[in-house]
Amino acid sequence: MIICFVVLYKSTELKSEANAKVQKKAELEQLISDENDRTKEIEERKLYPGTKKYIEDVARSQLGLVYPDEIIFEPEKENKK
């Protein structure tokens, strides 16, 4: 009877440990997935400065350049009285 009780107790203890480890594994897999996504994003950002889009964005924002056939509408400034 005592042996059955000890085996049953250890069995439930091992099941709870196994469940905790399964949960920890799922958390770690999610962290790995997040880090892989972050790595891809960093790689894309690293490649961005060499693209035509980057050059165009810099020319527009810092130099104020536009295409010859482009029309720019600016909001009217309010006159202060």
Protein backbone atom coordinates (compact mmCIF):
# COMPACT_ATOMS: atom_id res chain seq x y z
CA MET A 1 0.00 0.00 0.00
CA ILE A 2 2.80 2.40 0.89
CA ILE A 3 4.62 1.58 -2.35
CA CYS A 4 1.48 2.37 -4.36
CA PHE A 5 1.11 5.68 -2.56
CA VAL A 6 4.76 6.63 -3.21
CA VAL A 7 4.51 5.64 -6.89
CA LEU A 8 1.28 7.62 -7.31
CA TYR A 9 2.78 10.66 -5.57
CA LYS A 10 5.94 10.58 -7.69
CA SER A 11 3.85 10.06 -10.83
CA THR A 12 1.81 13.22 -10.23
CA GLU A 13 4.97 15.10 -9.33
CA LEU A 14 6.64 14.03 -12.58
CA LYS A 15 3.54 14.95 -14.60
CA SER A 16 3.53 18.45 -13.15
CA GLU A 17 7.25 18.83 -13.90
CA ALA A 18 6.65 17.61 -17.46
CA ASN A 19 3.83 20.13 -17.93
CA ALA A 20 6.04 22.92 -16.62
CA LYS A 21 8.80 21.93 -19.04
CA VAL A 22 6.37 21.78 -21.97
CA GLN A 23 5.18 25.29 -21.11
CA LYS A 24 8.78 26.53 -20.79
CA LYS A 25 9.61 24.95 -24.17
CA ALA A 26 6.66 26.76 -25.79
CA GLU A 27 7.79 30.07 -24.28
CA LEU A 28 11.35 29.54 -25.54
CA GLU A 29 10.11 28.61 -29.02
CA GLN A 30 8.08 31.83 -29.08
CA LEU A 31 11.18 33.81 -28.05
CA ILE A 32 13.18 32.14 -30.81
CA SER A 33 10.48 33.00 -33.33
CA ASP A 34 10.41 36.62 -32.15
CA GLU A 35 14.18 36.89 -32.39
CA ASN A 36 14.17 35.38 -35.90
CA ASP A 37 11.59 37.99 -36.96
CA ARG A 38 13.72 40.72 -35.39
CA THR A 39 16.81 39.42 -37.22
CA LYS A 40 14.97 39.56 -40.54
CA GLU A 41 13.86 43.12 -39.80
CA ILE A 42 17.42 44.16 -38.97
CA GLU A 43 18.71 42.59 -42.19
CA GLU A 44 16.08 44.48 -44.19
CA ARG A 45 17.04 47.75 -42.46
CA LYS A 46 20.69 47.06 -43.21
CA LEU A 47 19.92 46.71 -46.92
CA TYR A 48 17.59 49.75 -47.06
CA PRO A 49 20.27 52.50 -47.35
CA GLY A 50 21.47 51.01 -50.64
CA THR A 51 18.06 51.10 -52.28
CA LYS A 52 16.59 53.64 -54.68
CA LYS A 53 13.71 54.19 -52.23
CA TYR A 54 16.14 55.32 -49.52
CA ILE A 55 17.89 57.74 -51.88
CA GLU A 56 14.53 59.13 -52.94
CA ASP A 57 13.37 59.52 -49.32
CA VAL A 58 16.55 61.38 -48.36
CA ALA A 59 16.32 63.64 -51.41
CA ARG A 60 12.71 64.50 -50.56
CA SER A 61 13.07 64.98 -46.82
CA GLN A 62 16.50 66.57 -46.47
CA LEU A 63 17.02 68.28 -49.82
CA GLY A 64 13.43 69.09 -50.70
CA LEU A 65 13.76 67.64 -54.19
CA VAL A 66 10.74 66.58 -56.25
CA TYR A 67 10.18 65.04 -59.66
CA PRO A 68 9.83 67.56 -62.53
CA ASP A 69 6.21 66.60 -63.24
CA GLU A 70 5.20 66.58 -59.56
CA ILE A 71 2.95 69.27 -58.08
CA ILE A 72 3.37 70.12 -54.41
CA PHE A 73 0.49 71.62 -52.46
CA GLU A 74 1.44 73.46 -49.31
CA PRO A 75 -1.10 74.63 -46.74
CA GLU A 76 -1.72 78.35 -46.57
CA LYS A 77 -0.17 80.11 -43.63
CA GLU A 78 -2.60 81.95 -41.42
CA ASN A 79 -2.09 85.69 -41.12
CA LYS A 80 -1.78 86.71 -37.51
CA LYS A 81 -3.38 90.05 -36.65
